Amino acid sequence: MASQPSLSELRRAKFARRLPAALTELVGPEHVTVSLPLHLAWSGLTAFDLDQPRLRMSYYRIVLAEGQHDDLARHLNRGVLVSLWPTLRTLISRDVREVWECSFKELAHGAQEAA
């Protein structure tokens, strides 16, 4: 009898299905105020000034956790994600972090350099 996948394995599979094929697909904004749709920011703040470090970090946490494939490409920016990753990786769930770092060596490499 096959064992059931763990909750963590199920979450990782869910996040992996959402990933872009490459970080270059992430063409979102860098320096504007962005209003996230309700399916992403369903509780609390919905508008984020990306020039404010705390709001930018919150915005990225929300999009990484809640975003579908198209949301990730539309709302995340490759350069910003890479620069935030050493700090951001400590603020997101282990499942999200591991999926992104296993899929994009650039993020895993940047995290190792920051350690």
N, C-alpha and C. Protein backbone atom coordinates (compact mmCIF):
# COMPACT_ATOMS: atom_id res chain seq x y z
N MET A 1 0.83 -1.17 0.00
CA MET A 1 0.00 0.00 0.00
C MET A 1 0.88 1.24 0.00
N ALA A 2 0.63 2.15 -0.92
CA ALA A 2 1.41 3.39 -1.04
C ALA A 2 1.07 4.33 0.11
N SER A 3 2.09 5.00 0.61
CA SER A 3 1.85 5.96 1.69
C SER A 3 1.30 7.26 1.12
N GLN A 4 0.55 7.93 1.93
CA GLN A 4 -0.03 9.21 1.55
C GLN A 4 1.05 10.28 1.60
N PRO A 5 1.05 11.23 0.64
CA PRO A 5 2.03 12.32 0.72
C PRO A 5 1.76 13.17 1.96
N SER A 6 2.81 13.72 2.50
CA SER A 6 2.67 14.58 3.67
C SER A 6 2.04 15.91 3.27
N LEU A 7 1.57 16.64 4.24
CA LEU A 7 1.00 17.96 3.99
C LEU A 7 2.03 18.87 3.36
N SER A 8 3.27 18.79 3.82
CA SER A 8 4.34 19.61 3.25
C SER A 8 4.58 19.24 1.79
N GLU A 9 4.57 17.96 1.46
CA GLU A 9 4.75 17.54 0.06
C GLU A 9 3.62 18.05 -0.82
N LEU A 10 2.41 18.04 -0.31
CA LEU A 10 1.27 18.56 -1.07
C LEU A 10 1.40 20.07 -1.30
N ARG A 11 1.81 20.79 -0.26
CA ARG A 11 1.99 22.24 -0.40
C ARG A 11 3.10 22.56 -1.41
N ARG A 12 4.20 21.83 -1.32
CA ARG A 12 5.31 22.06 -2.26
C ARG A 12 4.88 21.79 -3.70
N ALA A 13 4.11 20.76 -3.91
CA ALA A 13 3.61 20.46 -5.26
C ALA A 13 2.71 21.59 -5.75
N LYS A 14 1.89 22.13 -4.86
CA LYS A 14 1.01 23.26 -5.22
C LYS A 14 1.84 24.47 -5.63
N PHE A 15 2.85 24.80 -4.86
CA PHE A 15 3.68 25.96 -5.18
C PHE A 15 4.51 25.71 -6.45
N ALA A 16 4.99 24.50 -6.64
CA ALA A 16 5.80 24.18 -7.82
C ALA A 16 4.98 24.34 -9.10
N ARG A 17 3.71 23.97 -9.08
CA ARG A 17 2.86 24.11 -10.27
C ARG A 17 2.68 25.57 -10.69
N ARG A 18 2.83 26.47 -9.77
CA ARG A 18 2.61 27.90 -10.03
C ARG A 18 3.85 28.61 -10.59
N LEU A 19 5.01 28.01 -10.46
CA LEU A 19 6.26 28.68 -10.79
C LEU A 19 6.36 29.07 -12.27
N PRO A 20 7.06 30.17 -12.53
CA PRO A 20 7.39 30.48 -13.92
C PRO A 20 8.48 29.51 -14.39
N ALA A 21 8.65 29.41 -15.70
CA ALA A 21 9.70 28.54 -16.23
C ALA A 21 11.08 29.12 -15.94
N ALA A 22 11.18 30.44 -15.90
CA ALA A 22 12.45 31.12 -15.63
C ALA A 22 12.18 32.42 -14.89
N LEU A 23 13.16 32.87 -14.13
CA LEU A 23 13.00 34.14 -13.40
C LEU A 23 12.82 35.32 -14.35
N THR A 24 13.29 35.19 -15.57
CA THR A 24 13.14 36.28 -16.54
C THR A 24 11.67 36.55 -16.88
N GLU A 25 10.78 35.63 -16.56
CA GLU A 25 9.34 35.84 -16.77
C GLU A 25 8.76 36.85 -15.77
N LEU A 26 9.49 37.13 -14.70
CA LEU A 26 9.00 38.03 -13.66
C LEU A 26 9.27 39.46 -14.09
N VAL A 27 8.25 40.10 -14.64
CA VAL A 27 8.41 41.43 -15.23
C VAL A 27 7.56 42.48 -14.51
N GLY A 28 7.28 42.24 -13.25
CA GLY A 28 6.43 43.15 -12.48
C GLY A 28 7.11 44.48 -12.19
N PRO A 29 6.37 45.36 -11.54
CA PRO A 29 6.86 46.71 -11.28
C PRO A 29 7.98 46.75 -10.24
N GLU A 30 8.71 47.87 -10.28
CA GLU A 30 9.80 48.07 -9.32
C GLU A 30 9.54 49.25 -8.39
N HIS A 31 9.04 50.37 -8.91
CA HIS A 31 8.99 51.62 -8.13
C HIS A 31 7.65 52.34 -8.27
N VAL A 32 6.58 51.67 -7.97
CA VAL A 32 5.25 52.30 -8.05
C VAL A 32 4.43 51.84 -6.86
N THR A 33 3.26 52.39 -6.73
CA THR A 33 2.30 51.87 -5.77
C THR A 33 1.40 50.90 -6.51
N VAL A 34 1.30 49.71 -5.98
CA VAL A 34 0.55 48.63 -6.64
C VAL A 34 -0.63 48.24 -5.76
N SER A 35 -1.77 48.06 -6.38
CA SER A 35 -2.95 47.52 -5.69
C SER A 35 -3.11 46.07 -6.11
N LEU A 36 -3.04 45.18 -5.15
CA LEU A 36 -3.20 43.76 -5.44
C LEU A 36 -4.68 43.41 -5.53
N PRO A 37 -5.04 42.48 -6.40
CA PRO A 37 -6.43 42.03 -6.49
C PRO A 37 -6.82 41.26 -5.23
N LEU A 38 -8.12 41.16 -5.00
CA LEU A 38 -8.63 40.52 -3.79
C LEU A 38 -8.21 39.06 -3.65
N HIS A 39 -8.03 38.34 -4.74
CA HIS A 39 -7.64 36.93 -4.60
C HIS A 39 -6.21 36.79 -4.06
N LEU A 40 -5.45 37.88 -4.05
CA LEU A 40 -4.11 37.86 -3.46
C LEU A 40 -4.11 38.51 -2.08
N ALA A 41 -4.62 39.70 -2.00
CA ALA A 41 -4.64 40.46 -0.74
C ALA A 41 -6.07 40.51 -0.24
N TRP A 42 -6.51 39.43 0.33
CA TRP A 42 -7.90 39.27 0.74
C TRP A 42 -8.16 39.75 2.16
N SER A 43 -7.11 40.13 2.86
CA SER A 43 -7.29 40.60 4.23
C SER A 43 -6.28 41.71 4.51
N GLY A 44 -6.77 42.83 4.95
CA GLY A 44 -5.86 43.92 5.31
C GLY A 44 -5.47 44.78 4.13
N LEU A 45 -4.22 45.21 4.13
CA LEU A 45 -3.68 46.13 3.16
C LEU A 45 -3.74 45.55 1.75
N THR A 46 -4.13 46.37 0.77
CA THR A 46 -4.16 45.92 -0.62
C THR A 46 -3.30 46.78 -1.53
N ALA A 47 -2.90 47.98 -1.08
CA ALA A 47 -2.04 48.87 -1.87
C ALA A 47 -0.67 48.95 -1.23
N PHE A 48 0.37 48.81 -2.06
CA PHE A 48 1.74 48.73 -1.56
C PHE A 48 2.64 49.67 -2.35
N ASP A 49 3.29 50.60 -1.65
CA ASP A 49 4.27 51.48 -2.27
C ASP A 49 5.59 50.72 -2.29
N LEU A 50 6.01 50.31 -3.48
CA LEU A 50 7.20 49.46 -3.59
C LEU A 50 8.50 50.21 -3.32
N ASP A 51 8.43 51.52 -3.12
CA ASP A 51 9.61 52.27 -2.72
C ASP A 51 9.79 52.28 -1.19
N GLN A 52 8.81 51.73 -0.48
CA GLN A 52 8.89 51.60 0.98
C GLN A 52 9.34 50.17 1.31
N PRO A 53 10.52 49.99 1.89
CA PRO A 53 11.07 48.64 2.09
C PRO A 53 10.13 47.66 2.81
N ARG A 54 9.46 48.10 3.85
CA ARG A 54 8.57 47.18 4.58
C ARG A 54 7.36 46.79 3.74
N LEU A 55 6.81 47.75 3.01
CA LEU A 55 5.67 47.44 2.15
C LEU A 55 6.08 46.54 0.99
N ARG A 56 7.26 46.80 0.44
CA ARG A 56 7.77 45.95 -0.65
C ARG A 56 7.93 44.51 -0.16
N MET A 57 8.48 44.33 1.03
CA MET A 57 8.67 43.00 1.58
C MET A 57 7.32 42.31 1.81
N SER A 58 6.36 43.04 2.35
CA SER A 58 5.02 42.47 2.56
C SER A 58 4.37 42.07 1.24
N TYR A 59 4.50 42.92 0.26
CA TYR A 59 3.95 42.66 -1.08
C TYR A 59 4.53 41.36 -1.64
N TYR A 60 5.85 41.19 -1.56
CA TYR A 60 6.48 39.99 -2.09
C TYR A 60 6.07 38.74 -1.31
N ARG A 61 5.95 38.87 -0.02
CA ARG A 61 5.51 37.73 0.80
C ARG A 61 4.12 37.29 0.38
N ILE A 62 3.22 38.24 0.19
CA ILE A 62 1.84 37.91 -0.20
C ILE A 62 1.80 37.26 -1.56
N VAL A 63 2.48 37.86 -2.54
CA VAL A 63 2.43 37.32 -3.90
C VAL A 63 3.06 35.93 -3.95
N LEU A 64 4.17 35.71 -3.27
CA LEU A 64 4.79 34.39 -3.27
C LEU A 64 3.88 33.33 -2.64
N ALA A 65 3.18 33.70 -1.59
CA ALA A 65 2.33 32.74 -0.89
C ALA A 65 1.00 32.50 -1.58
N GLU A 66 0.42 33.54 -2.16
CA GLU A 66 -0.95 33.45 -2.68
C GLU A 66 -1.05 33.43 -4.20
N GLY A 67 0.00 33.86 -4.89
CA GLY A 67 -0.08 34.06 -6.32
C GLY A 67 -0.11 32.78 -7.15
N GLN A 68 -0.91 32.82 -8.20
CA GLN A 68 -0.90 31.78 -9.22
C GLN A 68 0.19 32.13 -10.24
N HIS A 69 0.40 31.29 -11.22
CA HIS A 69 1.46 31.49 -12.20
C HIS A 69 1.41 32.89 -12.81
N ASP A 70 0.26 33.30 -13.33
CA ASP A 70 0.15 34.61 -13.97
C ASP A 70 0.37 35.75 -12.99
N ASP A 71 -0.06 35.57 -11.75
CA ASP A 71 0.16 36.60 -10.72
C ASP A 71 1.65 36.79 -10.46
N LEU A 72 2.38 35.69 -10.38
CA LEU A 72 3.81 35.77 -10.12
C LEU A 72 4.51 36.56 -11.21
N ALA A 73 4.20 36.25 -12.46
CA ALA A 73 4.84 36.94 -13.59
C ALA A 73 4.46 38.41 -13.63
N ARG A 74 3.22 38.72 -13.32
CA ARG A 74 2.72 40.09 -13.42
C ARG A 74 3.16 40.97 -12.25
N HIS A 75 3.26 40.40 -11.07
CA HIS A 75 3.48 41.21 -9.87
C HIS A 75 4.90 41.17 -9.31
N LEU A 76 5.67 40.15 -9.67
CA LEU A 76 7.05 40.07 -9.17
C LEU A 76 8.02 40.55 -10.23
N ASN A 77 9.13 41.09 -9.77
CA ASN A 77 10.18 41.57 -10.66
C ASN A 77 11.44 40.77 -10.34
N ARG A 78 12.06 40.22 -11.37
CA ARG A 78 13.23 39.37 -11.17
C ARG A 78 14.33 40.06 -10.35
N GLY A 79 14.72 41.26 -10.74
CA GLY A 79 15.79 41.95 -10.04
C GLY A 79 15.46 42.24 -8.59
N VAL A 80 14.24 42.66 -8.34
CA VAL A 80 13.83 42.95 -6.96
C VAL A 80 13.79 41.66 -6.15
N LEU A 81 13.23 40.60 -6.72
CA LEU A 81 13.17 39.32 -6.01
C LEU A 81 14.56 38.83 -5.63
N VAL A 82 15.48 38.86 -6.56
CA VAL A 82 16.85 38.40 -6.29
C VAL A 82 17.49 39.24 -5.20
N SER A 83 17.31 40.55 -5.24
CA SER A 83 17.93 41.40 -4.23
C SER A 83 17.30 41.23 -2.84
N LEU A 84 15.99 40.95 -2.81
CA LEU A 84 15.30 40.76 -1.53
C LEU A 84 15.47 39.36 -0.96
N TRP A 85 15.81 38.41 -1.81
CA TRP A 85 15.75 37.00 -1.42
C TRP A 85 16.49 36.66 -0.13
N PRO A 86 17.71 37.14 0.12
CA PRO A 86 18.38 36.74 1.37
C PRO A 86 17.57 37.06 2.62
N THR A 87 16.85 38.16 2.63
CA THR A 87 15.99 38.49 3.78
C THR A 87 14.63 37.85 3.63
N LEU A 88 14.06 37.93 2.45
CA LEU A 88 12.72 37.41 2.19
C LEU A 88 12.62 35.93 2.51
N ARG A 89 13.65 35.17 2.23
CA ARG A 89 13.62 33.72 2.43
C ARG A 89 13.41 33.36 3.90
N THR A 90 13.77 34.28 4.81
CA THR A 90 13.57 34.02 6.24
C THR A 90 12.16 34.36 6.70
N LEU A 91 11.40 35.04 5.84
CA LEU A 91 10.06 35.51 6.20
C LEU A 91 8.93 34.71 5.56
N ILE A 92 9.26 33.84 4.62
CA ILE A 92 8.25 33.05 3.93
C ILE A 92 8.27 31.62 4.47
N SER A 93 7.27 30.85 4.12
CA SER A 93 7.21 29.48 4.62
C SER A 93 8.35 28.63 4.05
N ARG A 94 8.72 27.62 4.78
CA ARG A 94 9.77 26.71 4.34
C ARG A 94 9.41 26.08 3.00
N ASP A 95 8.14 25.73 2.81
CA ASP A 95 7.73 25.09 1.56
C ASP A 95 7.92 26.02 0.37
N VAL A 96 7.52 27.27 0.50
CA VAL A 96 7.71 28.24 -0.58
C VAL A 96 9.19 28.43 -0.84
N ARG A 97 9.96 28.64 0.20
CA ARG A 97 11.40 28.85 0.07
C ARG A 97 12.08 27.68 -0.65
N GLU A 98 11.80 26.47 -0.23
CA GLU A 98 12.47 25.31 -0.82
C GLU A 98 12.08 25.11 -2.28
N VAL A 99 10.82 25.33 -2.61
CA VAL A 99 10.40 25.18 -4.01
C VAL A 99 11.13 26.19 -4.89
N TRP A 100 11.16 27.45 -4.47
CA TRP A 100 11.82 28.48 -5.27
C TRP A 100 13.32 28.23 -5.36
N GLU A 101 13.97 27.88 -4.27
CA GLU A 101 15.42 27.67 -4.30
C GLU A 101 15.81 26.41 -5.06
N CYS A 102 14.99 25.38 -5.01
CA CYS A 102 15.28 24.17 -5.79
C CYS A 102 15.07 24.41 -7.28
N SER A 103 14.17 25.30 -7.61
CA SER A 103 13.84 25.56 -9.01
C SER A 103 14.75 26.61 -9.64
N PHE A 104 15.25 27.52 -8.84
CA PHE A 104 16.05 28.63 -9.36
C PHE A 104 17.36 28.72 -8.57
N LYS A 105 18.39 28.14 -9.13
CA LYS A 105 19.69 28.08 -8.45
C LYS A 105 20.23 29.47 -8.12
N GLU A 106 19.84 30.48 -8.91
CA GLU A 106 20.26 31.85 -8.63
C GLU A 106 19.81 32.30 -7.24
N LEU A 107 18.63 31.88 -6.83
CA LEU A 107 18.14 32.24 -5.50
C LEU A 107 18.88 31.45 -4.42
N ALA A 108 19.08 30.17 -4.65
CA ALA A 108 19.79 29.35 -3.67
C ALA A 108 21.22 29.82 -3.51
N HIS A 109 21.87 30.18 -4.63
CA HIS A 109 23.24 30.67 -4.61
C HIS A 109 23.33 32.00 -3.83
N GLY A 110 22.38 32.91 -4.08
CA GLY A 110 22.35 34.20 -3.39
C GLY A 110 22.14 34.03 -1.90
N ALA A 111 21.31 33.04 -1.53
CA ALA A 111 21.06 32.79 -0.11
C ALA A 111 22.31 32.25 0.57
N GLN A 112 23.08 31.42 -0.13
CA GLN A 112 24.32 30.88 0.45
C GLN A 112 25.35 31.98 0.63
N GLU A 113 25.42 32.91 -0.32
CA GLU A 113 26.38 34.02 -0.20
C GLU A 113 26.04 34.91 0.97
N ALA A 114 24.73 35.11 1.24
CA ALA A 114 24.31 35.99 2.31
C ALA A 114 24.53 35.37 3.68
N ALA A 115 24.62 34.04 3.74
CA ALA A 115 24.76 33.34 5.02
C ALA A 115 26.16 33.48 5.61
